[in-house]
């Protein structure tokens, strides 16, 4: 681990090839995680990656033919 220190609060969007999304702890590659902003609750930080990826997919994958 080089990007974070023990005790850092981090979050990530999850991966499809691992079970345990509802586990308290999960082993993941640190490159797909981010530091939880202090202003966000754990619940809010848990929702950010999924909603962000959903918005990204809509803007860049689904609307390609509609926006020039």
PDB file of N, CA and C in Angstrom:
ATOM      1  N   UNK A   1       0.854  -1.164   0.000  1.00  0.00           N
ATOM      2  CA  UNK A   1       0.000   0.000   0.000  1.00  0.00           C
ATOM      3  C   UNK A   1       0.904   1.233   0.000  1.00  0.00           C
ATOM      4  N   UNK A   2       0.738   2.058  -1.015  1.00  0.00           N
ATOM      5  CA  UNK A   2       1.578   3.249  -1.115  1.00  0.00           C
ATOM      6  C   UNK A   2       0.769   4.541  -1.192  1.00  0.00           C
ATOM      7  N   UNK A   3      -0.483   4.457  -1.596  1.00  0.00           N
ATOM      8  CA  UNK A   3      -1.285   5.668  -1.767  1.00  0.00           C
ATOM      9  C   UNK A   3      -1.983   6.116  -0.483  1.00  0.00           C
ATOM     10  N   UNK A   4      -2.149   5.197   0.456  1.00  0.00           N
ATOM     11  CA  UNK A   4      -2.900   5.491   1.673  1.00  0.00           C
ATOM     12  C   UNK A   4      -2.144   4.990   2.893  1.00  0.00           C
ATOM     13  N   UNK A   5      -2.581   5.454   4.059  1.00  0.00           N
ATOM     14  CA  UNK A   5      -2.003   5.007   5.323  1.00  0.00           C
ATOM     15  C   UNK A   5      -3.060   4.227   6.098  1.00  0.00           C
ATOM     16  N   UNK A   6      -2.632   3.325   6.984  1.00  0.00           N
ATOM     17  CA  UNK A   6      -3.606   2.637   7.834  1.00  0.00           C
ATOM     18  C   UNK A   6      -4.460   3.662   8.579  1.00  0.00           C
ATOM     19  N   UNK A   7      -5.745   3.444   8.580  1.00  0.00           N
ATOM     20  CA  UNK A   7      -6.672   4.358   9.233  1.00  0.00           C
ATOM     21  C   UNK A   7      -7.324   5.359   8.306  1.00  0.00           C
ATOM     22  N   UNK A   8      -6.799   5.509   7.079  1.00  0.00           N
ATOM     23  CA  UNK A   8      -7.446   6.396   6.110  1.00  0.00           C
ATOM     24  C   UNK A   8      -8.830   5.858   5.776  1.00  0.00           C
ATOM     25  N   UNK A   9      -9.791   6.740   5.645  1.00  0.00           N
ATOM     26  CA  UNK A   9     -11.134   6.347   5.218  1.00  0.00           C
ATOM     27  C   UNK A   9     -11.202   6.505   3.710  1.00  0.00           C
ATOM     28  N   UNK A  10     -11.454   5.407   3.031  1.00  0.00           N
ATOM     29  CA  UNK A  10     -11.463   5.409   1.570  1.00  0.00           C
ATOM     30  C   UNK A  10     -12.777   4.840   1.061  1.00  0.00           C
ATOM     31  N   UNK A  11     -13.040   5.056  -0.229  1.00  0.00           N
ATOM     32  CA  UNK A  11     -14.222   4.485  -0.863  1.00  0.00           C
ATOM     33  C   UNK A  11     -13.873   4.104  -2.287  1.00  0.00           C
ATOM     34  N   UNK A  12     -14.709   3.263  -2.889  1.00  0.00           N
ATOM     35  CA  UNK A  12     -14.512   2.875  -4.285  1.00  0.00           C
ATOM     36  C   UNK A  12     -15.835   2.414  -4.861  1.00  0.00           C
ATOM     37  N   UNK A  13     -15.872   2.270  -6.177  1.00  0.00           N
ATOM     38  CA  UNK A  13     -17.129   1.959  -6.852  1.00  0.00           C
ATOM     39  C   UNK A  13     -17.482   0.482  -6.826  1.00  0.00           C
ATOM     40  N   UNK A  14     -16.550  -0.374  -6.543  1.00  0.00           N
ATOM     41  CA  UNK A  14     -16.814  -1.802  -6.553  1.00  0.00           C
ATOM     42  C   UNK A  14     -16.395  -2.429  -7.866  1.00  0.00           C
ATOM     43  N   UNK A  15     -16.331  -3.724  -7.858  1.00  0.00           N
ATOM     44  CA  UNK A  15     -15.961  -4.473  -9.053  1.00  0.00           C
ATOM     45  C   UNK A  15     -16.944  -5.619  -9.227  1.00  0.00           C
ATOM     46  N   UNK A  16     -17.125  -6.050 -10.447  1.00  0.00           N
ATOM     47  CA  UNK A  16     -18.109  -7.094 -10.723  1.00  0.00           C
ATOM     48  C   UNK A  16     -17.612  -8.500 -10.409  1.00  0.00           C
ATOM     49  N   UNK A  17     -16.305  -8.692 -10.331  1.00  0.00           N
ATOM     50  CA  UNK A  17     -15.785 -10.045 -10.155  1.00  0.00           C
ATOM     51  C   UNK A  17     -15.495 -10.412  -8.696  1.00  0.00           C
ATOM     52  N   UNK A  18     -15.975  -9.623  -7.749  1.00  0.00           N
ATOM     53  CA  UNK A  18     -15.775  -9.925  -6.326  1.00  0.00           C
ATOM     54  C   UNK A  18     -17.108  -9.873  -5.591  1.00  0.00           C
ATOM     55  N   UNK A  19     -17.271 -10.782  -4.665  1.00  0.00           N
ATOM     56  CA  UNK A  19     -18.446 -10.751  -3.810  1.00  0.00           C
ATOM     57  C   UNK A  19     -18.130  -9.940  -2.562  1.00  0.00           C
ATOM     58  N   UNK A  20     -19.142  -9.597  -1.806  1.00  0.00           N
ATOM     59  CA  UNK A  20     -18.933  -8.941  -0.526  1.00  0.00           C
ATOM     60  C   UNK A  20     -19.154  -7.452  -0.530  1.00  0.00           C
ATOM     61  N   UNK A  21     -19.998  -6.959  -1.416  1.00  0.00           N
ATOM     62  CA  UNK A  21     -20.230  -5.516  -1.483  1.00  0.00           C
ATOM     63  C   UNK A  21     -20.786  -4.960  -0.173  1.00  0.00           C
ATOM     64  N   UNK A  22     -21.461  -5.783   0.602  1.00  0.00           N
ATOM     65  CA  UNK A  22     -22.026  -5.324   1.870  1.00  0.00           C
ATOM     66  C   UNK A  22     -21.136  -5.632   3.066  1.00  0.00           C
ATOM     67  N   UNK A  23     -19.925  -6.109   2.819  1.00  0.00           N
ATOM     68  CA  UNK A  23     -19.002  -6.429   3.904  1.00  0.00           C
ATOM     69  C   UNK A  23     -18.452  -5.149   4.530  1.00  0.00           C
ATOM     70  N   UNK A  24     -18.062  -5.249   5.780  1.00  0.00           N
ATOM     71  CA  UNK A  24     -17.476  -4.084   6.448  1.00  0.00           C
ATOM     72  C   UNK A  24     -16.114  -3.743   5.851  1.00  0.00           C
ATOM     73  N   UNK A  25     -15.358  -4.761   5.471  1.00  0.00           N
ATOM     74  CA  UNK A  25     -14.041  -4.571   4.865  1.00  0.00           C
ATOM     75  C   UNK A  25     -13.968  -5.367   3.579  1.00  0.00           C
ATOM     76  N   UNK A  26     -13.194  -4.876   2.630  1.00  0.00           N
ATOM     77  CA  UNK A  26     -13.004  -5.586   1.369  1.00  0.00           C
ATOM     78  C   UNK A  26     -11.604  -5.278   0.854  1.00  0.00           C
ATOM     79  N   UNK A  27     -10.921  -6.297   0.358  1.00  0.00           N
ATOM     80  CA  UNK A  27      -9.579  -6.134  -0.181  1.00  0.00           C
ATOM     81  C   UNK A  27      -9.686  -5.758  -1.654  1.00  0.00           C
ATOM     82  N   UNK A  28      -9.182  -4.575  -2.017  1.00  0.00           N
ATOM     83  CA  UNK A  28      -9.239  -4.100  -3.400  1.00  0.00           C
ATOM     84  C   UNK A  28      -7.918  -3.430  -3.758  1.00  0.00           C
ATOM     85  N   UNK A  29      -7.696  -3.272  -5.038  1.00  0.00           N
ATOM     86  CA  UNK A  29      -6.521  -2.568  -5.535  1.00  0.00           C
ATOM     87  C   UNK A  29      -6.638  -1.096  -5.147  1.00  0.00           C
ATOM     88  N   UNK A  30      -5.596  -0.550  -4.547  1.00  0.00           N
ATOM     89  CA  UNK A  30      -5.668   0.835  -4.081  1.00  0.00           C
ATOM     90  C   UNK A  30      -5.839   1.839  -5.208  1.00  0.00           C
ATOM     91  N   UNK A  31      -5.530   1.447  -6.432  1.00  0.00           N
ATOM     92  CA  UNK A  31      -5.646   2.377  -7.554  1.00  0.00           C
ATOM     93  C   UNK A  31      -7.093   2.693  -7.918  1.00  0.00           C
ATOM     94  N   UNK A  32      -8.045   1.896  -7.425  1.00  0.00           N
ATOM     95  CA  UNK A  32      -9.454   2.168  -7.738  1.00  0.00           C
ATOM     96  C   UNK A  32     -10.199   2.745  -6.535  1.00  0.00           C
ATOM     97  N   UNK A  33      -9.467   3.258  -5.574  1.00  0.00           N
ATOM     98  CA  UNK A  33     -10.076   3.848  -4.386  1.00  0.00           C
ATOM     99  C   UNK A  33      -9.755   5.335  -4.301  1.00  0.00           C
ATOM    100  N   UNK A  34     -10.475   6.023  -3.456  1.00  0.00           N
ATOM    101  CA  UNK A  34     -10.216   7.440  -3.213  1.00  0.00           C
ATOM    102  C   UNK A  34     -10.399   7.744  -1.739  1.00  0.00           C
ATOM    103  N   UNK A  35      -9.786   8.808  -1.283  1.00  0.00           N
ATOM    104  CA  UNK A  35      -9.941   9.247   0.109  1.00  0.00           C
ATOM    105  C   UNK A  35     -11.345   9.816   0.298  1.00  0.00           C
ATOM    106  N   UNK A  36     -12.010   9.386   1.366  1.00  0.00           N
ATOM    107  CA  UNK A  36     -13.336   9.930   1.677  1.00  0.00           C
ATOM    108  C   UNK A  36     -13.170  11.369   2.159  1.00  0.00           C
ATOM    109  N   UNK A  37     -13.818  12.323   1.493  1.00  0.00           N
ATOM    110  CA  UNK A  37     -13.749  13.702   1.975  1.00  0.00           C
ATOM    111  C   UNK A  37     -14.316  13.808   3.393  1.00  0.00           C
ATOM    112  N   UNK A  38     -13.669  14.575   4.239  1.00  0.00           N
ATOM    113  CA  UNK A  38     -14.102  14.708   5.632  1.00  0.00           C
ATOM    114  C   UNK A  38     -15.518  15.263   5.739  1.00  0.00           C
ATOM    115  N   UNK A  39     -15.932  16.067   4.776  1.00  0.00           N
ATOM    116  CA  UNK A  39     -17.266  16.677   4.818  1.00  0.00           C
ATOM    117  C   UNK A  39     -18.381  15.691   4.481  1.00  0.00           C
ATOM    118  N   UNK A  40     -18.038  14.536   3.932  1.00  0.00           N
ATOM    119  CA  UNK A  40     -19.056  13.550   3.562  1.00  0.00           C
ATOM    120  C   UNK A  40     -19.217  12.500   4.651  1.00  0.00           C
ATOM    121  N   UNK A  41     -20.446  12.126   4.905  1.00  0.00           N
ATOM    122  CA  UNK A  41     -20.693  10.998   5.802  1.00  0.00           C
ATOM    123  C   UNK A  41     -20.275   9.718   5.085  1.00  0.00           C
ATOM    124  N   UNK A  42     -20.151   8.645   5.832  1.00  0.00           N
ATOM    125  CA  UNK A  42     -19.820   7.370   5.204  1.00  0.00           C
ATOM    126  C   UNK A  42     -20.919   6.948   4.229  1.00  0.00           C
ATOM    127  N   UNK A  43     -22.166   7.223   4.581  1.00  0.00           N
ATOM    128  CA  UNK A  43     -23.280   6.868   3.699  1.00  0.00           C
ATOM    129  C   UNK A  43     -23.217   7.650   2.394  1.00  0.00           C
ATOM    130  N   UNK A  44     -22.950   8.932   2.484  1.00  0.00           N
ATOM    131  CA  UNK A  44     -22.852   9.752   1.270  1.00  0.00           C
ATOM    132  C   UNK A  44     -21.669   9.316   0.417  1.00  0.00           C
ATOM    133  N   UNK A  45     -20.536   9.055   1.056  1.00  0.00           N
ATOM    134  CA  UNK A  45     -19.351   8.619   0.313  1.00  0.00           C
ATOM    135  C   UNK A  45     -19.597   7.280  -0.378  1.00  0.00           C
ATOM    136  N   UNK A  46     -20.391   6.425   0.240  1.00  0.00           N
ATOM    137  CA  UNK A  46     -20.695   5.133  -0.374  1.00  0.00           C
ATOM    138  C   UNK A  46     -21.553   5.291  -1.620  1.00  0.00           C
ATOM    139  N   UNK A  47     -22.344   6.352  -1.689  1.00  0.00           N
ATOM    140  CA  UNK A  47     -23.217   6.538  -2.848  1.00  0.00           C
ATOM    141  C   UNK A  47     -22.545   7.304  -3.988  1.00  0.00           C
ATOM    142  N   UNK A  48     -21.488   8.036  -3.703  1.00  0.00           N
ATOM    143  CA  UNK A  48     -20.838   8.871  -4.721  1.00  0.00           C
ATOM    144  C   UNK A  48     -20.322   8.074  -5.918  1.00  0.00           C
ATOM    145  N   UNK A  49     -19.580   6.990  -5.729  1.00  0.00           N
ATOM    146  CA  UNK A  49     -19.036   6.299  -6.902  1.00  0.00           C
ATOM    147  C   UNK A  49     -20.116   5.780  -7.853  1.00  0.00           C
ATOM    148  N   UNK A  50     -21.162   5.183  -7.333  1.00  0.00           N
ATOM    149  CA  UNK A  50     -22.191   4.629  -8.213  1.00  0.00           C
ATOM    150  C   UNK A  50     -22.947   5.726  -8.945  1.00  0.00           C
ATOM    151  N   UNK A  51     -23.324   6.772  -8.249  1.00  0.00           N
ATOM    152  CA  UNK A  51     -24.048   7.849  -8.930  1.00  0.00           C
ATOM    153  C   UNK A  51     -23.145   8.576  -9.915  1.00  0.00           C
ATOM    154  N   UNK A  52     -21.893   8.735  -9.569  1.00  0.00           N
ATOM    155  CA  UNK A  52     -20.944   9.364 -10.496  1.00  0.00           C
ATOM    156  C   UNK A  52     -20.734   8.538 -11.746  1.00  0.00           C
ATOM    157  N   UNK A  53     -20.583   7.229 -11.583  1.00  0.00           N
ATOM    158  CA  UNK A  53     -20.415   6.358 -12.748  1.00  0.00           C
ATOM    159  C   UNK A  53     -21.679   6.307 -13.594  1.00  0.00           C
ATOM    160  N   UNK A  54     -22.832   6.351 -12.950  1.00  0.00           N
ATOM    161  CA  UNK A  54     -24.089   6.366 -13.694  1.00  0.00           C
ATOM    162  C   UNK A  54     -24.194   7.635 -14.537  1.00  0.00           C
ATOM    163  N   UNK A  55     -23.855   8.776 -13.952  1.00  0.00           N
ATOM    164  CA  UNK A  55     -23.880  10.039 -14.703  1.00  0.00           C
ATOM    165  C   UNK A  55     -22.865  10.017 -15.842  1.00  0.00           C
ATOM    166  N   UNK A  56     -21.676   9.508 -15.582  1.00  0.00           N
ATOM    167  CA  UNK A  56     -20.634   9.414 -16.621  1.00  0.00           C
ATOM    168  C   UNK A  56     -21.124   8.556 -17.784  1.00  0.00           C
ATOM    169  N   UNK A  57     -21.704   7.392 -17.465  1.00  0.00           N
ATOM    170  CA  UNK A  57     -22.195   6.498 -18.516  1.00  0.00           C
ATOM    171  C   UNK A  57     -23.263   7.184 -19.355  1.00  0.00           C
ATOM    172  N   UNK A  58     -24.183   7.895 -18.710  1.00  0.00           N
ATOM    173  CA  UNK A  58     -25.223   8.589 -19.458  1.00  0.00           C
ATOM    174  C   UNK A  58     -24.620   9.654 -20.373  1.00  0.00           C
ATOM    175  N   UNK A  59     -23.723  10.470 -19.833  1.00  0.00           N
ATOM    176  CA  UNK A  59     -23.163  11.582 -20.604  1.00  0.00           C
ATOM    177  C   UNK A  59     -22.251  11.132 -21.735  1.00  0.00           C
ATOM    178  N   UNK A  60     -21.422  10.144 -21.490  1.00  0.00           N
ATOM    179  CA  UNK A  60     -20.389   9.805 -22.457  1.00  0.00           C
ATOM    180  C   UNK A  60     -20.654   8.523 -23.244  1.00  0.00           C
ATOM    181  N   UNK A  61     -21.521   7.652 -22.739  1.00  0.00           N
ATOM    182  CA  UNK A  61     -21.818   6.416 -23.464  1.00  0.00           C
ATOM    183  C   UNK A  61     -23.178   6.449 -24.142  1.00  0.00           C
ATOM    184  N   UNK A  62     -24.173   7.003 -23.481  1.00  0.00           N
ATOM    185  CA  UNK A  62     -25.549   6.942 -23.988  1.00  0.00           C
ATOM    186  C   UNK A  62     -25.937   8.135 -24.852  1.00  0.00           C
ATOM    187  N   UNK A  63     -25.351   9.302 -24.632  1.00  0.00           N
ATOM    188  CA  UNK A  63     -25.758  10.505 -25.354  1.00  0.00           C
ATOM    189  C   UNK A  63     -24.841  10.852 -26.522  1.00  0.00           C
ATOM    190  N   UNK A  64     -23.984   9.959 -26.921  1.00  0.00           N
ATOM    191  CA  UNK A  64     -23.021  10.255 -27.981  1.00  0.00           C
ATOM    192  C   UNK A  64     -23.694  10.707 -29.274  1.00  0.00           C
ATOM    193  N   UNK A  65     -24.801  10.118 -29.649  1.00  0.00           N
ATOM    194  CA  UNK A  65     -25.471  10.486 -30.884  1.00  0.00           C
ATOM    195  C   UNK A  65     -26.310  11.750 -30.792  1.00  0.00           C
ATOM    196  N   UNK A  66     -26.546  12.245 -29.579  1.00  0.00           N
ATOM    197  CA  UNK A  66     -27.428  13.388 -29.380  1.00  0.00           C
ATOM    198  C   UNK A  66     -26.696  14.704 -29.175  1.00  0.00           C
ATOM    199  N   UNK A  67     -25.462  14.642 -28.754  1.00  0.00           N
ATOM    200  CA  UNK A  67     -24.701  15.853 -28.434  1.00  0.00           C
ATOM    201  C   UNK A  67     -23.541  15.982 -29.405  1.00  0.00           C
ATOM    202  N   UNK A  68     -23.391  17.163 -29.968  1.00  0.00           N
ATOM    203  CA  UNK A  68     -22.279  17.385 -30.898  1.00  0.00           C
ATOM    204  C   UNK A  68     -21.264  18.325 -30.318  1.00  0.00           C
TER     205      UNK A  68
END
